[in-house]
Protein backbone atom coordinates (compact mmCIF):
# COMPACT_ATOMS: atom_id res chain seq x y z
CA UNK A 1 -19.56 10.70 12.18
CA UNK A 2 -15.95 9.98 11.19
CA UNK A 3 -16.86 6.58 9.78
CA UNK A 4 -19.65 8.08 7.78
CA UNK A 5 -17.27 10.57 6.16
CA UNK A 6 -14.92 7.76 5.05
CA UNK A 7 -17.78 5.60 3.66
CA UNK A 8 -19.46 8.55 1.98
CA UNK A 9 -16.23 9.55 0.21
CA UNK A 10 -15.66 5.91 -0.94
CA UNK A 11 -19.31 5.57 -2.09
CA UNK A 12 -18.95 8.75 -4.19
CA UNK A 13 -15.77 7.42 -5.86
CA UNK A 14 -17.40 4.08 -6.50
CA UNK A 15 -20.53 5.69 -8.09
CA UNK A 16 -18.36 7.77 -10.42
CA UNK A 17 -16.23 4.82 -11.44
CA UNK A 18 -19.14 2.52 -12.12
CA UNK A 19 -20.87 5.21 -14.17
CA UNK A 20 -17.79 5.66 -16.27
CA UNK A 21 -17.28 1.88 -16.53
CA UNK A 22 -20.85 1.50 -17.94
CA UNK A 23 -20.11 4.20 -20.48
CA UNK A 24 -16.87 2.51 -21.55
CA UNK A 25 -18.68 -0.79 -22.02
CA UNK A 26 -20.49 0.96 -24.96
CA UNK A 27 -17.12 1.60 -26.65
CA UNK A 28 -16.57 -0.53 -29.77
CA UNK A 29 -12.81 -0.63 -29.39
CA UNK A 30 -12.07 -3.68 -27.08
CA UNK A 31 -8.51 -2.57 -26.20
CA UNK A 32 -9.59 0.96 -25.29
CA UNK A 33 -12.47 -0.27 -23.14
CA UNK A 34 -10.14 -2.68 -21.38
CA UNK A 35 -7.72 0.11 -20.60
CA UNK A 36 -10.52 2.36 -19.24
CA UNK A 37 -11.79 -0.42 -16.94
CA UNK A 38 -8.36 -1.00 -15.56
CA UNK A 39 -7.85 2.73 -14.89
CA UNK A 40 -11.21 2.85 -13.06
CA UNK A 41 -10.25 0.05 -10.72
CA UNK A 42 -6.89 1.68 -10.07
CA UNK A 43 -8.81 4.85 -9.10
CA UNK A 44 -10.61 2.94 -6.45
CA UNK A 45 -7.49 1.26 -5.13
CA UNK A 46 -4.70 3.84 -5.20
CA UNK A 47 -6.05 6.20 -2.53
CA UNK A 48 -6.58 3.31 -0.13
CA UNK A 49 -3.14 1.56 -0.34
CA UNK A 50 -0.52 2.19 2.35
CA UNK A 51 2.79 3.91 1.67
CA UNK A 52 5.24 1.77 -0.31
CA UNK A 53 2.54 -0.39 -1.86
CA UNK A 54 2.08 0.09 -5.61
CA UNK A 55 -0.06 -1.01 -8.54
CA UNK A 56 1.41 -2.51 -11.71
CA UNK A 57 0.37 -4.73 -14.57
CA UNK A 58 2.14 -7.61 -16.37
CA UNK A 59 3.51 -10.99 -15.26
CA UNK A 60 4.60 -12.54 -12.00
CA UNK A 61 7.80 -14.54 -11.86
CA UNK A 62 9.68 -16.68 -9.34
CA UNK A 63 13.44 -17.03 -8.73
CA UNK A 64 13.46 -20.05 -11.12
CA UNK A 65 12.26 -17.87 -13.99
CA UNK A 66 8.73 -19.36 -14.20
CA UNK A 67 6.11 -16.81 -15.35
CA UNK A 68 2.37 -16.37 -14.72
CA UNK A 69 -0.10 -15.39 -17.41
CA UNK A 70 -0.51 -11.62 -18.08
CA UNK A 71 -2.46 -9.99 -15.28
CA UNK A 72 -4.47 -6.76 -15.28
CA UNK A 73 -3.54 -5.49 -11.84
CA UNK A 74 -0.73 -6.47 -9.59
CA UNK A 75 -0.59 -4.98 -6.03
CA UNK A 76 3.11 -5.18 -4.91
CA UNK A 77 5.67 -3.82 -2.50
CA UNK A 78 8.99 -2.78 -4.08
CA UNK A 79 10.82 -2.54 -0.80
CA UNK A 80 12.33 -6.00 -1.21
CA UNK A 81 13.07 -7.01 -4.85
CA UNK A 82 12.27 -4.27 -7.34
CA UNK A 83 10.30 -5.28 -10.42
CA UNK A 84 11.60 -5.00 -13.94
CA UNK A 85 9.48 -2.20 -15.41
CA UNK A 86 9.15 -1.25 -18.97
CA UNK A 87 7.14 1.86 -18.28
CA UNK A 88 5.62 3.35 -15.16
CA UNK A 89 3.45 0.26 -14.53
CA UNK A 90 3.97 -2.59 -16.97
CA UNK A 91 6.66 -5.19 -16.04
CA UNK A 92 7.63 -8.47 -14.38
CA UNK A 93 7.19 -8.76 -10.70
CA UNK A 94 8.95 -11.17 -8.27
CA UNK A 95 6.32 -13.30 -6.46
CA UNK A 96 7.88 -12.46 -3.05
CA UNK A 97 6.78 -8.78 -3.50
CA UNK A 98 3.09 -9.42 -4.46
CA UNK A 99 0.03 -9.17 -2.29
CA UNK A 100 -2.71 -9.37 -4.97
CA UNK A 101 -3.17 -10.24 -8.64
CA UNK A 102 -6.55 -9.09 -10.00
CA UNK A 103 -8.23 -9.91 -13.37
CA UNK A 104 -10.85 -7.52 -14.60
CA UNK A 105 -13.79 -8.52 -16.81
CA UNK A 106 -16.52 -6.48 -18.46
CA UNK A 107 -18.96 -9.43 -18.47
CA UNK A 108 -17.99 -12.70 -16.73
CA UNK A 109 -18.83 -15.42 -19.22
CA UNK A 110 -18.10 -19.14 -18.91
CA UNK A 111 -15.20 -18.92 -21.33
CA UNK A 112 -13.67 -15.92 -19.52
CA UNK A 113 -14.17 -17.69 -16.18
CA UNK A 114 -12.54 -20.86 -17.46
CA UNK A 115 -9.57 -18.83 -18.72
CA UNK A 116 -9.26 -17.04 -15.39
CA UNK A 117 -9.16 -20.41 -13.57
CA UNK A 118 -6.31 -21.62 -15.90
CA UNK A 119 -4.43 -18.38 -15.24
CA UNK A 120 -4.89 -18.86 -11.56
CA UNK A 121 -3.56 -22.38 -11.68
CA UNK A 122 -0.52 -21.15 -13.60
CA UNK A 123 0.12 -18.52 -10.88
CA UNK A 124 -0.16 -21.26 -8.21
CA UNK A 125 2.53 -23.30 -9.87
CA UNK A 126 5.12 -20.65 -9.16
CA UNK A 127 7.52 -21.15 -6.21
CA UNK A 128 7.31 -18.68 -3.29
CA UNK A 129 4.67 -17.09 -1.07
CA UNK A 130 1.35 -17.08 -2.92
CA UNK A 131 -0.55 -13.84 -3.29
CA UNK A 132 -4.29 -13.52 -3.34
CA UNK A 133 -5.81 -14.15 -6.74
CA UNK A 134 -8.92 -12.09 -7.33
CA UNK A 135 -11.42 -11.57 -10.16
CA UNK A 136 -13.43 -8.30 -10.47
CA UNK A 137 -16.36 -8.22 -13.03
CA UNK A 138 -18.63 -5.35 -13.91
CA UNK A 139 -21.31 -7.84 -15.07
CA UNK A 140 -22.28 -11.50 -15.39
CA UNK A 141 -23.85 -13.61 -18.02
CA UNK A 142 -25.60 -15.68 -15.38
CA UNK A 143 -29.36 -15.09 -15.20
CA UNK A 144 -30.87 -17.80 -13.03
CA UNK A 145 -27.99 -18.75 -10.76
CA UNK A 146 -25.55 -17.11 -8.42
CA UNK A 147 -22.03 -16.17 -9.37
CA UNK A 148 -20.77 -17.72 -6.17
CA UNK A 149 -22.04 -21.12 -7.37
CA UNK A 150 -19.75 -20.82 -10.39
CA UNK A 151 -16.57 -20.11 -8.29
CA UNK A 152 -17.46 -22.73 -5.61
CA UNK A 153 -18.32 -25.55 -7.94
CA UNK A 154 -15.40 -25.05 -10.30
CA UNK A 155 -12.87 -25.12 -7.37
CA UNK A 156 -14.42 -27.56 -4.94
CA UNK A 157 -11.92 -30.36 -5.53
CA UNK A 158 -8.86 -28.07 -5.85
CA UNK A 159 -6.06 -27.61 -3.32
CA UNK A 160 -5.68 -24.33 -1.48
CA UNK A 161 -4.62 -21.67 -2.21
CA UNK A 162 -7.43 -21.76 -4.85
CA UNK A 163 -6.73 -20.44 -8.34
CA UNK A 164 -9.27 -17.68 -7.55
CA UNK A 165 -9.83 -17.12 -3.86
CA UNK A 166 -11.65 -13.72 -4.10
CA UNK A 167 -14.23 -12.43 -6.52
CA UNK A 168 -16.51 -9.38 -6.87
CA UNK A 169 -19.31 -9.01 -9.45
CA UNK A 170 -20.72 -5.53 -9.37
CA UNK A 171 -24.37 -5.35 -8.20
CA UNK A 172 -24.41 -9.08 -7.51
CA UNK A 173 -21.96 -10.67 -5.05
CA UNK A 174 -18.53 -10.45 -3.23
CA UNK A 175 -16.97 -13.64 -2.04
CA UNK A 176 -13.72 -14.90 -0.52
CA UNK A 177 -12.18 -18.17 0.67
CA UNK A 178 -11.30 -18.25 4.42
CA UNK A 179 -11.30 -22.01 5.13
CA UNK A 180 -14.87 -21.96 3.70
CA UNK A 181 -16.49 -19.67 1.12
CA UNK A 182 -17.95 -16.55 2.60
CA UNK A 183 -20.33 -14.66 0.27
CA UNK A 184 -21.94 -11.16 0.62
CA UNK A 185 -24.91 -10.28 -1.59
CA UNK A 186 -25.16 -6.71 -2.89
CA UNK A 187 -27.37 -4.00 -1.47
CA UNK A 188 -28.11 -0.52 -2.81
CA UNK A 189 -25.11 0.80 -0.85
CA UNK A 190 -22.29 -0.64 -2.96
CA UNK A 191 -21.59 -3.26 -0.25
CA UNK A 192 -19.94 -5.75 -2.55
CA UNK A 193 -17.49 -3.29 -3.92
CA UNK A 194 -16.79 -1.83 -0.51
CA UNK A 195 -16.24 -5.36 0.82
CA UNK A 196 -13.83 -6.09 -2.00
CA UNK A 197 -11.80 -2.93 -1.41
CA UNK A 198 -11.84 -3.26 2.40
CA UNK A 199 -10.66 -6.83 2.15
CA UNK A 200 -7.77 -5.71 0.08
CA UNK A 201 -6.79 -2.94 2.46
CA UNK A 202 -7.07 -5.16 5.57
CA UNK A 203 -4.96 -8.04 4.16
CA UNK A 204 -2.28 -5.79 2.68
CA UNK A 205 -1.81 -3.89 5.91
CA UNK A 206 -1.57 -7.12 7.91
CA UNK A 207 0.81 -8.73 5.44
CA UNK A 208 3.17 -5.74 5.55
CA UNK A 209 3.69 -6.40 9.24
CA UNK A 210 3.52 -10.24 9.21
CA UNK A 211 5.11 -11.31 5.96
CA UNK A 212 8.77 -12.54 6.28
CA UNK A 213 10.91 -12.85 3.12
CA UNK A 214 11.09 -16.46 1.96
CA UNK A 215 14.00 -15.72 -0.27
CA UNK A 216 16.99 -13.45 -0.10
CA UNK A 217 16.29 -10.94 -2.94
CA UNK A 218 19.80 -11.28 -4.35
CA UNK A 219 19.04 -14.78 -5.69
CA UNK A 220 17.09 -13.24 -8.48
CA UNK A 221 20.34 -12.07 -10.04
CA UNK A 222 21.87 -15.55 -10.23
CA UNK A 223 20.06 -17.21 -13.17
CA UNK A 224 19.75 -20.93 -12.94
CA UNK A 225 20.85 -21.04 -9.26
CA UNK A 226 18.36 -22.88 -7.06
CA UNK A 227 18.48 -21.63 -3.44
CA UNK A 228 15.81 -23.97 -2.18
């Protein structure tokens, strides 16, 4: 009974968020629609994250000053190096503090997918412990093939960690890399979204207990100094 209560509550939140996302897709203002989509994903994530773990948006940096591309959602822990924030959420986040970066798409097209792969490669070029790199899409332009084929084929010759090692396309598929690709098709019970959220919760909780700092946080305050 207890498990049913948790799942039912999550399903109710998911249904509300997906309904609102479908409404916002109809908005003509691209920037506004993007902001609404991001808020909806945060609504799903915030109640599930453990104490001390936060959600932001912006860029990831390493101690050498290298920067990632701009990212929709960054899941981070500010108990080591605090980010540089320009408002409550937007800022620059040290890679040592980050668990997940997540890009959000209304419809995953080839051009948007290729851009996300490039963004993931830029993230992987930063020095430090690599976070999970995820893509969440509310829809896909693929009609006769699986979204998993797109992710698998594009990255089959790339080194791990892959530029995108987790994906979720609403109503279609959820997949993640764990030595091999593991893919879950959707059902009528929001399984792909639940899988995506549960995967985040599980890995973040484990990382809090297992992750050891690879860099003393103070080195961020010595520009140009290479501690490695």
